[in-house]
């Protein structure tokens, strides 16, 4: 068998899916119009779509989470550009296999044929394996398409990265996955349309929600649910919520990641933290995580809480929430949930102040309402003689030359002179900041004249 033999599951065979292939494989889109998601890349008039339709593509990397369509898009490109498609698995291929395929691709390039080499999980290839592609990409013998779930800046060697265009693919939204499941249920050629099933929209939504942006996971769940239903004489088979609970081995909590329940729950979490109630904060956090919410969304919201509700009353809160986000990203679920729980409890017990948020809101209002006066001359640097002659930097007082490290030099434009926005509270560390600010203001005030 040649290296370019049409193997099962290759781009050449995708029009005739085998009956025993998984549903996710059978339902791979065959045209760009069937492709759901990634509208920023593949919508009408978008650059990548235009390159594909004009048969004028270059080497590229697809970076995105599992099940977002990286492999499917590579196969579509191979089909629509009429190129040979060779797929590598980073787990199975070695240097020898790569060199053999590169030699065959070089020969075919000389006879006018093009080869697309698709490398799945390219981040798993070591430096030597990635280096083996370089001369052939540079010479144009192959069009290289890599797919990775990891940041290519860290996982792909710089020479290969510089010769490819990186496209970022986003996880599919829950409604998009629901649409894919509906297609699978209706498709008689590749899907489940030849059998009669009864599935509620709520059940489809729950499958899509638990897939968390991964279309393949959603297809697998639907296929398992279908296989688990009992045939009924002269009646459609029903996929119930109870059956889905058995398959997922977890209770299906009422949740809509894109609807009202989503906003209700995040509001409850935020207000529990603001009200210093760690038990309620833990409960709402767990409700959202167990319902399929994106943990990194919760991490981002808690970073916001650290600045909005805790602020400088406990400066360490921001560091704790950032560390929780990094810890979850590092170890993943379910162990990473504990880092998020730690942040939620810490935020709940921390002293609270919204003085920073209030100050920023007020200062932005003044920025928009007042004239944008020029920077005072004494605050400008004077790197040239001309600037010095124009008065730049004249009158500037270097704080470190003063005993208290504070001067009476004004630092606001004249139209805002004397304006104050930040008013520390007496909560936590901010109490110390309030005392310090009072001290600074006294040092800046001119001494009272003696009558």
Protein backbone atom coordinates (compact mmCIF):
# COMPACT_ATOMS: atom_id res chain seq x y z
CA UNK A 1 0.00 0.00 0.00
CA UNK A 2 1.39 3.42 -0.94
CA UNK A 3 1.70 6.24 1.53
CA UNK A 4 -1.07 7.99 -0.37
CA UNK A 5 -3.51 5.10 -0.43
CA UNK A 6 -7.06 6.11 0.40
CA UNK A 7 -7.40 4.93 3.94
CA UNK A 8 -10.74 4.62 5.70
CA UNK A 9 -11.68 7.89 7.30
CA UNK A 10 -9.52 9.92 4.93
CA UNK A 11 -10.86 12.91 3.06
CA UNK A 12 -11.47 10.77 0.02
CA UNK A 13 -13.79 8.41 1.84
CA UNK A 14 -15.80 10.91 3.82
CA UNK A 15 -18.71 10.89 1.37
CA UNK A 16 -19.36 7.21 2.06
CA UNK A 17 -19.27 6.78 5.83
CA UNK A 18 -19.06 3.26 7.13
CA UNK A 19 -22.10 2.10 9.06
CA UNK A 20 -19.97 1.13 12.02
CA UNK A 21 -18.27 4.52 12.29
CA UNK A 22 -19.14 6.65 15.33
CA UNK A 23 -21.90 9.18 14.78
CA UNK A 24 -19.43 12.05 15.20
CA UNK A 25 -17.35 10.70 12.31
CA UNK A 26 -20.34 10.08 10.06
CA UNK A 27 -21.73 13.58 10.62
CA UNK A 28 -18.60 15.48 9.66
CA UNK A 29 -19.70 18.29 7.30
CA UNK A 30 -18.91 17.85 3.62
CA UNK A 31 -19.17 21.52 2.61
CA UNK A 32 -18.41 24.86 4.18
CA UNK A 33 -22.14 25.60 4.28
CA UNK A 34 -22.66 22.52 6.48
CA UNK A 35 -19.91 23.67 8.85
CA UNK A 36 -21.39 25.18 12.02
CA UNK A 37 -19.42 27.66 14.08
CA UNK A 38 -16.25 29.69 13.48
CA UNK A 39 -18.16 32.40 11.61
CA UNK A 40 -15.30 34.82 12.24
CA UNK A 41 -13.12 32.63 10.03
CA UNK A 42 -15.56 30.98 7.65
CA UNK A 43 -18.43 33.43 7.29
CA UNK A 44 -19.16 34.85 3.82
CA UNK A 45 -16.37 37.17 2.74
CA UNK A 46 -13.99 36.15 5.54
CA UNK A 47 -10.33 35.74 4.47
CA UNK A 48 -9.96 32.02 5.25
CA UNK A 49 -13.16 31.12 3.42
CA UNK A 50 -12.10 33.18 0.42
CA UNK A 51 -8.71 31.41 0.36
CA UNK A 52 -10.42 28.01 0.42
CA UNK A 53 -12.97 28.91 -2.25
CA UNK A 54 -10.29 30.40 -4.50
CA UNK A 55 -8.09 27.32 -3.98
CA UNK A 56 -5.23 29.48 -2.73
CA UNK A 57 -4.30 28.38 0.78
CA UNK A 58 -1.01 28.37 2.64
CA UNK A 59 0.32 26.47 5.61
CA UNK A 60 -1.63 27.11 8.82
CA UNK A 61 -2.22 26.11 12.41
CA UNK A 62 -5.62 25.64 14.00
CA UNK A 63 -5.61 26.40 17.73
CA UNK A 64 -8.73 25.59 19.70
CA UNK A 65 -10.38 23.32 22.28
CA UNK A 66 -11.41 19.71 21.56
CA UNK A 67 -14.45 19.20 19.33
CA UNK A 68 -14.50 22.68 17.79
CA UNK A 69 -13.87 21.46 14.23
CA UNK A 70 -10.09 21.56 13.68
CA UNK A 71 -9.79 18.16 12.00
CA UNK A 72 -13.06 18.59 10.13
CA UNK A 73 -11.93 21.91 8.71
CA UNK A 74 -8.60 20.45 7.57
CA UNK A 75 -10.41 17.63 5.75
CA UNK A 76 -12.81 20.10 4.17
CA UNK A 77 -9.88 22.12 2.89
CA UNK A 78 -8.31 19.03 1.37
CA UNK A 79 -11.59 18.07 -0.31
CA UNK A 80 -12.42 21.52 -1.65
CA UNK A 81 -8.90 22.17 -2.94
CA UNK A 82 -8.62 18.71 -4.56
CA UNK A 83 -5.36 17.97 -2.78
CA UNK A 84 -4.00 14.72 -1.44
CA UNK A 85 -4.67 14.51 2.28
CA UNK A 86 -2.21 12.81 4.62
CA UNK A 87 -2.99 12.72 8.31
CA UNK A 88 -0.37 12.25 11.02
CA UNK A 89 -0.96 11.35 14.63
CA UNK A 90 1.65 12.77 16.95
CA UNK A 91 1.19 9.72 19.15
CA UNK A 92 1.99 7.16 16.42
CA UNK A 93 4.28 8.81 13.86
CA UNK A 94 8.05 8.99 14.11
CA UNK A 95 10.83 10.67 12.12
CA UNK A 96 11.04 7.79 9.62
CA UNK A 97 7.32 7.96 8.77
CA UNK A 98 7.52 11.73 8.37
CA UNK A 99 10.53 11.51 6.03
CA UNK A 100 8.86 8.82 3.90
CA UNK A 101 5.75 10.92 3.44
CA UNK A 102 7.81 14.05 2.73
CA UNK A 103 9.75 12.23 0.01
CA UNK A 104 6.51 11.05 -1.62
CA UNK A 105 5.04 14.56 -1.37
CA UNK A 106 8.13 16.06 -3.00
CA UNK A 107 7.83 13.61 -5.90
CA UNK A 108 4.14 14.41 -6.34
CA UNK A 109 4.83 18.16 -6.20
CA UNK A 110 7.18 17.80 -9.18
CA UNK A 111 4.40 16.15 -11.17
CA UNK A 112 1.91 18.90 -10.40
CA UNK A 113 0.01 17.34 -7.48
CA UNK A 114 -0.44 19.01 -4.12
CA UNK A 115 -0.33 17.37 -0.73
CA UNK A 116 -1.92 18.64 2.45
CA UNK A 117 -0.23 17.19 5.50
CA UNK A 118 -2.45 17.39 8.55
CA UNK A 119 -0.80 16.94 11.94
CA UNK A 120 -3.25 16.44 14.77
CA UNK A 121 -2.04 17.33 18.25
CA UNK A 122 1.07 18.92 16.79
CA UNK A 123 2.08 20.04 20.29
CA UNK A 124 2.91 16.39 21.03
CA UNK A 125 5.57 16.30 18.31
CA UNK A 126 9.08 16.88 19.64
CA UNK A 127 11.47 19.43 18.14
CA UNK A 128 13.15 16.93 15.81
CA UNK A 129 9.81 15.75 14.43
CA UNK A 130 8.65 19.31 13.84
CA UNK A 131 11.99 20.17 12.23
CA UNK A 132 11.44 17.37 9.68
CA UNK A 133 8.58 19.31 8.10
CA UNK A 134 10.44 22.61 7.76
CA UNK A 135 12.35 22.24 4.45
CA UNK A 136 9.28 20.83 2.70
CA UNK A 137 7.02 23.60 3.94
CA UNK A 138 9.60 26.16 2.84
CA UNK A 139 10.06 24.53 -0.59
CA UNK A 140 6.31 24.29 -1.15
CA UNK A 141 6.30 20.51 -1.44
CA UNK A 142 3.47 20.34 1.12
CA UNK A 143 0.80 22.53 2.62
CA UNK A 144 1.13 22.02 6.34
CA UNK A 145 -1.95 22.15 8.56
CA UNK A 146 -1.47 21.56 12.26
CA UNK A 147 -4.08 21.32 14.99
CA UNK A 148 -3.43 21.91 18.66
CA UNK A 149 -5.33 22.49 21.88
CA UNK A 150 -2.26 24.22 23.39
CA UNK A 151 -0.87 27.69 22.81
CA UNK A 152 1.31 27.30 19.70
CA UNK A 153 3.61 30.09 20.90
CA UNK A 154 4.91 27.65 23.52
CA UNK A 155 4.38 24.26 21.85
CA UNK A 156 5.40 24.80 18.20
CA UNK A 157 9.00 25.56 17.24
CA UNK A 158 9.59 29.14 16.11
CA UNK A 159 10.77 28.33 12.55
CA UNK A 160 7.62 26.32 11.84
CA UNK A 161 5.42 28.89 13.57
CA UNK A 162 6.87 31.69 11.42
CA UNK A 163 5.94 29.78 8.25
CA UNK A 164 2.31 29.23 9.20
CA UNK A 165 -0.74 31.37 9.80
CA UNK A 166 -2.36 30.72 13.20
CA UNK A 167 -6.17 30.60 13.24
CA UNK A 168 -7.92 30.55 16.61
CA UNK A 169 -11.05 28.36 16.73
CA UNK A 170 -13.58 28.95 19.47
CA UNK A 171 -15.64 26.34 21.36
CA UNK A 172 -19.09 25.86 19.89
CA UNK A 173 -21.96 27.63 21.59
CA UNK A 174 -24.68 25.49 23.14
CA UNK A 175 -27.33 26.45 20.49
CA UNK A 176 -24.87 25.50 17.74
CA UNK A 177 -24.37 22.05 19.24
CA UNK A 178 -28.15 21.64 19.58
CA UNK A 179 -28.43 22.38 15.85
CA UNK A 180 -25.82 19.69 15.10
CA UNK A 181 -27.75 17.16 17.20
CA UNK A 182 -30.98 17.99 15.36
CA UNK A 183 -29.23 17.42 12.06
CA UNK A 184 -27.98 14.03 13.24
CA UNK A 185 -31.48 12.99 14.27
CA UNK A 186 -32.92 14.03 10.91
CA UNK A 187 -30.19 12.83 8.52
CA UNK A 188 -31.19 9.53 6.93
CA UNK A 189 -27.93 8.97 5.05
CA UNK A 190 -25.35 9.53 7.74
CA UNK A 191 -27.29 10.13 10.93
CA UNK A 192 -30.19 8.59 12.83
CA UNK A 193 -33.05 9.66 10.57
CA UNK A 194 -34.05 6.14 9.58
CA UNK A 195 -35.22 5.38 13.09
CA UNK A 196 -38.01 7.06 15.04
CA UNK A 197 -36.93 8.86 18.19
CA UNK A 198 -38.63 11.30 20.48
CA UNK A 199 -36.27 13.80 22.08
CA UNK A 200 -37.38 17.02 23.72
CA UNK A 201 -35.61 20.30 23.10
CA UNK A 202 -34.77 20.40 26.79
CA UNK A 203 -32.98 17.04 26.56
CA UNK A 204 -31.03 18.15 23.48
CA UNK A 205 -30.06 21.33 25.28
CA UNK A 206 -28.85 19.37 28.30
CA UNK A 207 -26.70 17.14 26.09
CA UNK A 208 -25.26 20.22 24.40
CA UNK A 209 -24.70 22.01 27.69
CA UNK A 210 -22.76 19.12 29.22
CA UNK A 211 -20.63 18.88 26.08
CA UNK A 212 -19.16 22.26 27.08
CA UNK A 213 -18.39 23.38 23.52
CA UNK A 214 -17.23 19.94 22.28
CA UNK A 215 -19.39 18.73 19.37
CA UNK A 216 -17.78 15.29 19.40
CA UNK A 217 -18.71 14.77 23.05
CA UNK A 218 -22.31 15.78 22.30
CA UNK A 219 -22.56 13.34 19.38
CA UNK A 220 -21.14 10.55 21.54
CA UNK A 221 -23.68 11.22 24.29
CA UNK A 222 -26.58 11.27 21.83
CA UNK A 223 -25.41 8.04 20.18
CA UNK A 224 -25.09 6.31 23.55
CA UNK A 225 -28.55 7.54 24.53
CA UNK A 226 -30.02 6.17 21.30
CA UNK A 227 -28.38 2.79 21.84
CA UNK A 228 -29.71 2.72 25.40
CA UNK A 229 -33.36 3.21 24.49
CA UNK A 230 -35.71 0.26 24.32
CA UNK A 231 -37.47 -0.36 21.00
CA UNK A 232 -41.24 0.09 21.10
CA UNK A 233 -43.70 -1.55 18.76
CA UNK A 234 -45.36 1.01 16.49
CA UNK A 235 -44.10 3.88 18.65
CA UNK A 236 -41.00 6.08 18.66
CA UNK A 237 -38.25 5.40 21.14
CA UNK A 238 -38.03 8.11 23.79
CA UNK A 239 -34.83 9.63 25.14
CA UNK A 240 -35.87 10.85 28.58
CA UNK A 241 -34.14 12.99 31.13
CA UNK A 242 -33.89 9.99 33.44
CA UNK A 243 -32.10 7.99 30.73
CA UNK A 244 -29.72 10.86 30.17
CA UNK A 245 -28.98 11.02 33.91
CA UNK A 246 -28.10 7.32 33.86
CA UNK A 247 -25.78 7.80 30.88
CA UNK A 248 -24.01 10.85 32.30
CA UNK A 249 -24.05 9.29 35.79
CA UNK A 250 -25.04 12.59 37.36
CA UNK A 251 -28.16 14.49 38.25
CA UNK A 252 -29.30 16.98 35.62
CA UNK A 253 -29.56 20.33 37.35
CA UNK A 254 -31.75 22.97 35.79
CA UNK A 255 -29.38 25.34 34.03
CA UNK A 256 -29.19 27.40 30.87
CA UNK A 257 -25.68 28.58 30.12
CA UNK A 258 -26.96 31.22 27.73
CA UNK A 259 -30.27 32.17 29.37
CA UNK A 260 -31.88 33.56 32.50
CA UNK A 261 -30.81 30.77 34.87
CA UNK A 262 -27.17 31.45 34.04
CA UNK A 263 -27.51 35.10 35.05
CA UNK A 264 -29.60 34.24 38.12
CA UNK A 265 -26.93 31.91 39.47
CA UNK A 266 -23.94 34.14 38.82
CA UNK A 267 -25.86 36.99 40.45
CA UNK A 268 -26.47 34.80 43.51
CA UNK A 269 -22.78 33.90 43.71
CA UNK A 270 -21.63 37.50 43.35
CA UNK A 271 -24.08 38.85 45.93
CA UNK A 272 -23.26 36.08 48.41
CA UNK A 273 -19.56 37.01 48.17
CA UNK A 274 -20.39 40.71 48.54
CA UNK A 275 -22.48 39.90 51.63
CA UNK A 276 -19.59 37.93 53.20
CA UNK A 277 -21.45 34.61 53.20
CA UNK A 278 -18.91 31.85 52.41
CA UNK A 279 -21.39 28.98 52.69
CA UNK A 280 -23.78 30.52 50.18
CA UNK A 281 -20.87 31.40 47.88
CA UNK A 282 -19.69 27.77 47.96
CA UNK A 283 -23.21 26.51 47.25
CA UNK A 284 -23.79 28.72 44.20
CA UNK A 285 -20.29 28.01 42.90
CA UNK A 286 -20.90 24.25 43.17
CA UNK A 287 -24.35 24.58 41.55
CA UNK A 288 -22.83 26.26 38.52
CA UNK A 289 -19.86 23.90 38.22
CA UNK A 290 -21.99 20.76 38.57
CA UNK A 291 -24.45 22.13 36.00
CA UNK A 292 -21.75 22.39 33.35
CA UNK A 293 -20.68 26.04 33.62
CA UNK A 294 -17.26 26.93 32.19
CA UNK A 295 -14.94 27.05 35.24
CA UNK A 296 -12.81 29.75 33.65
CA UNK A 297 -15.89 31.96 33.34
CA UNK A 298 -16.34 31.64 37.11
CA UNK A 299 -12.64 32.37 37.64
CA UNK A 300 -12.95 35.55 35.55
CA UNK A 301 -15.99 36.67 37.53
CA UNK A 302 -14.16 36.21 40.82
CA UNK A 303 -11.23 38.27 39.54
CA UNK A 304 -13.79 40.99 38.89
CA UNK A 305 -15.20 40.60 42.43
CA UNK A 306 -11.70 40.98 43.86
CA UNK A 307 -11.44 44.48 42.39
CA UNK A 308 -15.09 45.52 42.48
CA UNK A 309 -16.16 44.39 45.96
CA UNK A 310 -12.96 43.81 47.93
CA UNK A 311 -10.58 46.27 46.32
CA UNK A 312 -7.79 47.65 48.46
CA UNK A 313 -9.49 46.58 51.68
CA UNK A 314 -7.63 43.31 50.99
CA UNK A 315 -5.07 43.72 48.15
CA UNK A 316 -4.23 40.01 48.30
CA UNK A 317 -7.69 39.10 46.97
CA UNK A 318 -6.70 39.89 43.40
CA UNK A 319 -3.60 37.70 43.66
CA UNK A 320 -5.67 34.86 45.16
CA UNK A 321 -8.22 34.91 42.32
CA UNK A 322 -5.53 35.04 39.62
CA UNK A 323 -3.75 32.14 41.32
CA UNK A 324 -7.03 30.17 41.43
CA UNK A 325 -7.50 30.71 37.69
CA UNK A 326 -3.94 29.54 36.98
CA UNK A 327 -4.29 26.55 39.32
CA UNK A 328 -7.46 25.37 37.61
CA UNK A 329 -5.89 25.81 34.18
CA UNK A 330 -2.88 23.80 35.40
CA UNK A 331 -4.60 20.78 36.97
CA UNK A 332 -8.10 20.89 35.44
CA UNK A 333 -11.31 19.39 36.84
CA UNK A 334 -12.33 18.09 39.26
CA UNK A 335 -9.32 18.81 41.49
CA UNK A 336 -9.07 22.34 40.11
CA UNK A 337 -12.54 23.13 41.46
CA UNK A 338 -10.99 23.35 44.92
CA UNK A 339 -8.85 26.29 43.84
CA UNK A 340 -11.99 28.12 42.70
CA UNK A 341 -13.71 27.22 45.97
CA UNK A 342 -10.73 28.57 47.92
CA UNK A 343 -10.98 31.87 46.04
CA UNK A 344 -14.74 32.11 46.63
CA UNK A 345 -14.37 31.60 50.38
CA UNK A 346 -11.42 34.01 50.58
CA UNK A 347 -13.40 36.72 48.78
CA UNK A 348 -16.39 36.13 51.04
CA UNK A 349 -14.37 36.52 54.24
CA UNK A 350 -12.24 39.44 53.04
CA UNK A 351 -13.09 42.96 54.22
CA UNK A 352 -15.13 44.77 51.59
CA UNK A 353 -14.73 48.12 49.87
CA UNK A 354 -16.03 49.48 46.60
CA UNK A 355 -14.10 52.73 47.00
CA UNK A 356 -11.82 51.81 44.10
CA UNK A 357 -14.73 51.06 41.76
CA UNK A 358 -16.54 54.25 42.80
CA UNK A 359 -13.38 56.30 42.24
CA UNK A 360 -12.82 54.83 38.78
CA UNK A 361 -16.43 55.45 37.74
CA UNK A 362 -16.24 59.06 38.89
CA UNK A 363 -12.89 59.73 37.26
CA UNK A 364 -14.05 58.32 33.92
CA UNK A 365 -17.11 60.58 34.10
CA UNK A 366 -14.82 63.58 34.60
CA UNK A 367 -12.60 62.41 31.74
CA UNK A 368 -15.62 62.52 29.43
CA UNK A 369 -17.21 65.68 30.84
CA UNK A 370 -14.19 67.97 31.12
CA UNK A 371 -11.83 69.35 28.50
CA UNK A 372 -8.79 67.22 27.82
CA UNK A 373 -6.31 69.83 29.05
CA UNK A 374 -2.67 69.31 28.08
CA UNK A 375 -0.24 67.66 30.47
CA UNK A 376 1.29 70.39 32.69
CA UNK A 377 4.77 71.36 31.47
CA UNK A 378 6.47 70.39 34.75
CA UNK A 379 5.24 66.77 34.34
CA UNK A 380 6.67 66.37 30.83
CA UNK A 381 10.08 64.89 30.13
CA UNK A 382 12.57 67.08 28.27
CA UNK A 383 14.91 64.78 26.30
CA UNK A 384 15.91 67.54 23.82
CA UNK A 385 17.22 71.07 24.14
CA UNK A 386 14.21 72.46 22.32
CA UNK A 387 11.85 70.91 24.85
CA UNK A 388 13.88 72.38 27.71
CA UNK A 389 13.72 75.83 26.12
CA UNK A 390 9.93 75.44 25.82
CA UNK A 391 9.66 74.87 29.55
CA UNK A 392 9.26 71.09 29.59
CA UNK A 393 10.12 69.61 33.02
CA UNK A 394 10.74 73.04 34.58
CA UNK A 395 9.43 73.13 38.13
CA UNK A 396 9.38 69.36 38.48
CA UNK A 397 10.07 68.20 42.04
CA UNK A 398 11.74 64.80 42.40
CA UNK A 399 9.98 63.25 45.42
CA UNK A 400 12.97 61.15 46.48
CA UNK A 401 14.98 64.31 47.10
CA UNK A 402 12.58 65.27 49.89
CA UNK A 403 12.65 63.88 53.41
CA UNK A 404 9.00 62.74 53.43
CA UNK A 405 9.13 61.59 49.77
CA UNK A 406 6.14 63.87 49.13
CA UNK A 407 6.00 67.34 47.53
CA UNK A 408 3.30 69.93 47.06
CA UNK A 409 3.68 69.73 43.28
CA UNK A 410 0.26 69.52 41.54
CA UNK A 411 -0.15 66.54 39.18
CA UNK A 412 -3.56 67.25 37.64
CA UNK A 413 -4.43 69.65 34.81
CA UNK A 414 -5.45 73.12 35.95
CA UNK A 415 -9.14 72.50 35.19
CA UNK A 416 -9.19 69.61 37.69
CA UNK A 417 -6.88 71.07 40.33
CA UNK A 418 -7.77 69.87 43.81
CA UNK A 419 -10.23 67.23 42.59
CA UNK A 420 -10.29 63.95 44.59
CA UNK A 421 -11.90 60.69 43.58
CA UNK A 422 -10.49 57.94 45.81
CA UNK A 423 -11.89 57.94 49.34
CA UNK A 424 -10.65 54.91 51.30
CA UNK A 425 -12.99 53.28 53.78
CA UNK A 426 -12.12 52.06 57.28
CA UNK A 427 -12.29 48.39 56.15
CA UNK A 428 -9.27 46.10 56.33
CA UNK A 429 -6.05 47.31 54.75
CA UNK A 430 -7.89 50.31 53.34
CA UNK A 431 -8.02 51.76 56.86
CA UNK A 432 -4.23 52.03 56.76
CA UNK A 433 -4.45 53.56 53.28
CA UNK A 434 -6.91 56.17 54.59
CA UNK A 435 -4.52 57.17 57.36
CA UNK A 436 -1.65 57.33 54.87
CA UNK A 437 -3.70 59.45 52.47
CA UNK A 438 -4.59 61.86 55.27
CA UNK A 439 -0.89 62.10 56.13
CA UNK A 440 0.04 62.79 52.50
CA UNK A 441 -2.58 65.50 52.18
CA UNK A 442 -1.29 67.21 55.31
CA UNK A 443 2.26 67.14 53.94
CA UNK A 444 1.07 68.70 50.68
CA UNK A 445 -0.95 71.42 52.36
CA UNK A 446 0.90 74.70 52.95
CA UNK A 447 1.50 75.48 56.64
CA UNK A 448 -1.09 77.76 58.20
CA UNK A 449 0.07 81.33 58.41
CA UNK A 450 0.62 82.77 61.89
CA UNK A 451 -1.41 85.95 62.47
